[in-house]
C-alpha atoms as a PDB file:
ATOM      1  CA  MET A   1     -27.740   1.222 -36.636  1.00  0.00           C
ATOM      2  CA  ILE A   2     -26.907   4.728 -37.608  1.00  0.00           C
ATOM      3  CA  THR A   3     -26.573   6.876 -34.378  1.00  0.00           C
ATOM      4  CA  LEU A   4     -27.507  10.836 -33.915  1.00  0.00           C
ATOM      5  CA  HIS A   5     -23.595  11.305 -33.831  1.00  0.00           C
ATOM      6  CA  ASP A   6     -23.131   9.459 -37.150  1.00  0.00           C
ATOM      7  CA  LEU A   7     -26.144  11.425 -38.812  1.00  0.00           C
ATOM      8  CA  ILE A   8     -24.475  14.960 -37.622  1.00  0.00           C
ATOM      9  CA  ARG A   9     -20.960  13.963 -38.897  1.00  0.00           C
ATOM     10  CA  ILE A  10     -22.568  12.598 -42.155  1.00  0.00           C
ATOM     11  CA  GLU A  11     -24.584  15.698 -42.931  1.00  0.00           C
ATOM     12  CA  LEU A  12     -21.569  17.932 -41.815  1.00  0.00           C
ATOM     13  CA  PHE A  13     -19.462  16.345 -44.413  1.00  0.00           C
ATOM     14  CA  ARG A  14     -21.763  16.124 -47.058  1.00  0.00           C
ATOM     15  CA  GLN A  15     -22.641  19.743 -46.819  1.00  0.00           C
ATOM     16  CA  TYR A  16     -19.101  21.203 -46.006  1.00  0.00           C
ATOM     17  CA  GLY A  17     -16.781  18.330 -46.988  1.00  0.00           C
ATOM     18  CA  SER A  18     -14.377  18.921 -44.099  1.00  0.00           C
ATOM     19  CA  LEU A  19     -14.182  19.900 -40.636  1.00  0.00           C
ATOM     20  CA  ARG A  20     -11.730  22.782 -41.249  1.00  0.00           C
ATOM     21  CA  GLN A  21     -14.404  24.210 -43.906  1.00  0.00           C
ATOM     22  CA  PHE A  22     -17.318  23.939 -41.449  1.00  0.00           C
ATOM     23  CA  SER A  23     -15.184  25.585 -39.054  1.00  0.00           C
ATOM     24  CA  SER A  24     -14.243  28.308 -41.108  1.00  0.00           C
ATOM     25  CA  ARG A  25     -17.988  29.066 -42.611  1.00  0.00           C
ATOM     26  CA  THR A  26     -19.497  28.859 -39.045  1.00  0.00           C
ATOM     27  CA  GLY A  27     -16.859  30.581 -36.969  1.00  0.00           C
ATOM     28  CA  ILE A  28     -16.653  27.503 -34.437  1.00  0.00           C
ATOM     29  CA  PRO A  29     -13.315  27.038 -33.626  1.00  0.00           C
ATOM     30  CA  LEU A  30     -11.581  23.690 -35.396  1.00  0.00           C
ATOM     31  CA  SER A  31     -10.938  22.256 -31.861  1.00  0.00           C
ATOM     32  CA  THR A  32     -14.577  22.450 -30.989  1.00  0.00           C
ATOM     33  CA  VAL A  33     -15.622  21.000 -34.081  1.00  0.00           C
ATOM     34  CA  ASN A  34     -13.118  18.004 -33.626  1.00  0.00           C
ATOM     35  CA  CYS A  35     -14.793  17.545 -30.296  1.00  0.00           C
ATOM     36  CA  LEU A  36     -18.279  17.525 -31.519  1.00  0.00           C
ATOM     37  CA  ILE A  37     -17.321  14.619 -34.289  1.00  0.00           C
ATOM     38  CA  MET A  38     -15.469  12.808 -31.556  1.00  0.00           C
ATOM     39  CA  HIS A  39     -17.784  13.264 -28.467  1.00  0.00           C
ATOM     40  CA  GLY A  40     -20.984  14.345 -30.099  1.00  0.00           C
ATOM     41  CA  ILE A  41     -23.438  17.244 -29.115  1.00  0.00           C
ATOM     42  CA  ASN A  42     -23.714  16.319 -25.520  1.00  0.00           C
ATOM     43  CA  TYR A  43     -20.221  18.200 -24.806  1.00  0.00           C
ATOM     44  CA  CYS A  44     -21.198  21.277 -26.521  1.00  0.00           C
ATOM     45  CA  SER A  45     -22.425  24.675 -25.339  1.00  0.00           C
ATOM     46  CA  PHE A  46     -25.957  25.635 -26.221  1.00  0.00           C
ATOM     47  CA  ASN A  47     -24.514  28.421 -28.259  1.00  0.00           C
ATOM     48  CA  THR A  48     -22.328  25.744 -30.234  1.00  0.00           C
ATOM     49  CA  VAL A  49     -25.532  23.339 -30.815  1.00  0.00           C
ATOM     50  CA  VAL A  50     -27.663  26.300 -31.982  1.00  0.00           C
ATOM     51  CA  THR A  51     -24.578  27.271 -34.546  1.00  0.00           C
ATOM     52  CA  VAL A  52     -24.318  23.548 -35.638  1.00  0.00           C
ATOM     53  CA  CYS A  53     -28.149  23.357 -36.149  1.00  0.00           C
ATOM     54  CA  ASN A  54     -28.484  26.484 -38.064  1.00  0.00           C
ATOM     55  CA  ALA A  55     -25.507  25.433 -40.272  1.00  0.00           C
ATOM     56  CA  LEU A  56     -26.999  21.989 -41.099  1.00  0.00           C
ATOM     57  CA  SER A  57     -30.453  23.344 -41.371  1.00  0.00           C
ATOM     58  CA  ILE A  58     -31.786  21.048 -38.732  1.00  0.00           C
ATOM     59  CA  GLN A  59     -33.801  22.122 -35.350  1.00  0.00           C
ATOM     60  CA  PRO A  60     -32.019  21.635 -31.994  1.00  0.00           C
ATOM     61  CA  ILE A  61     -35.058  19.758 -30.726  1.00  0.00           C
ATOM     62  CA  ASP A  62     -34.868  17.364 -33.349  1.00  0.00           C
ATOM     63  CA  LEU A  63     -31.370  16.136 -32.078  1.00  0.00           C
ATOM     64  CA  TYR A  64     -33.111  14.923 -29.023  1.00  0.00           C
ATOM     65  CA  GLN A  65     -36.600  13.143 -30.299  1.00  0.00           C
ATOM     66  CA  ASP A  66     -34.657  10.205 -31.214  1.00  0.00           C
ATOM     67  CA  GLU A  67     -33.465   9.387 -27.878  1.00  0.00           C
ATOM     68  CA  GLY A  68     -36.917   9.854 -26.390  1.00  0.00           C
ATOM     69  CA  LYS A  69     -35.476  11.030 -22.926  1.00  0.00           C
ATOM     70  CA  LEU A  70     -36.036  14.767 -23.148  1.00  0.00           C
ATOM     71  CA  LEU A  71     -38.285  14.846 -20.158  1.00  0.00           C
ATOM     72  CA  ASP A  72     -35.873  12.708 -18.101  1.00  0.00           C
ATOM     73  CA  ARG A  73     -33.000  14.935 -19.048  1.00  0.00           C
ATOM     74  CA  LEU A  74     -35.279  18.141 -17.976  1.00  0.00           C
ATOM     75  CA  GLU A  75     -35.519  16.194 -14.526  1.00  0.00           C
ATOM     76  CA  LEU A  76     -31.741  16.453 -14.089  1.00  0.00           C
ATOM     77  CA  LEU A  77     -31.649  19.955 -14.469  1.00  0.00           C
ATOM     78  CA  ASP A  78     -31.096  22.242 -11.156  1.00  0.00           C
ATOM     79  CA  THR A  79     -33.018  25.395 -10.683  1.00  0.00           C
ATOM     80  CA  LYS A  80     -31.091  27.499 -13.065  1.00  0.00           C
ATOM     81  CA  GLY A  81     -31.100  25.428 -16.016  1.00  0.00           C
ATOM     82  CA  LEU A  82     -34.997  24.803 -15.602  1.00  0.00           C
ATOM     83  CA  ARG A  83     -35.187  28.434 -15.594  1.00  0.00           C
ATOM     84  CA  ALA A  84     -33.204  28.715 -18.737  1.00  0.00           C
ATOM     85  CA  VAL A  85     -34.931  26.086 -20.616  1.00  0.00           C
ATOM     86  CA  ASN A  86     -38.559  27.864 -19.492  1.00  0.00           C
ATOM     87  CA  ALA A  87     -37.291  31.131 -20.851  1.00  0.00           C
ATOM     88  CA  ILE A  88     -36.116  29.496 -24.170  1.00  0.00           C
ATOM     89  CA  PHE A  89     -39.609  27.964 -24.586  1.00  0.00           C
ATOM     90  CA  LYS A  90     -41.346  31.186 -23.456  1.00  0.00           C
ATOM     91  CA  MET A  91     -39.519  32.877 -26.402  1.00  0.00           C
ATOM     92  CA  ILE A  92     -40.238  29.977 -28.861  1.00  0.00           C
ATOM     93  CA  LYS A  93     -43.792  30.385 -27.808  1.00  0.00           C
ATOM     94  CA  ASP A  94     -43.716  34.382 -28.224  1.00  0.00           C
ATOM     95  CA  GLU A  95     -41.781  33.816 -31.474  1.00  0.00           C
ATOM     96  CA  THR A  96     -39.080  36.080 -30.324  1.00  0.00           C
ATOM     97  CA  PHE A  97     -36.251  33.090 -30.441  1.00  0.00           C
ATOM     98  CA  ASN A  98     -35.133  32.686 -34.073  1.00  0.00           C
ATOM     99  CA  ILE A  99     -32.922  29.541 -34.897  1.00  0.00           C
END
């Protein structure tokens, strides 16, 4: 079974050919790209996830639909995290957040 992690890796190599090329074109440090490939997006900052999604032409929410646990993850956030997610959802609703 192909995992989300595998799909990101496949798409990255399909579109960019190498980690170094992806790093160079996106401005993401090579060490961060290596971490992304080794450990997946769960260990990346939100900004990095958005940059990766933009570079690979995917929506960030699509990364979590396969797992079906987005709501479960929201329950784990502290107050600051919930405020951040609410602000992002509001910007998306108001069409002021462009990915």
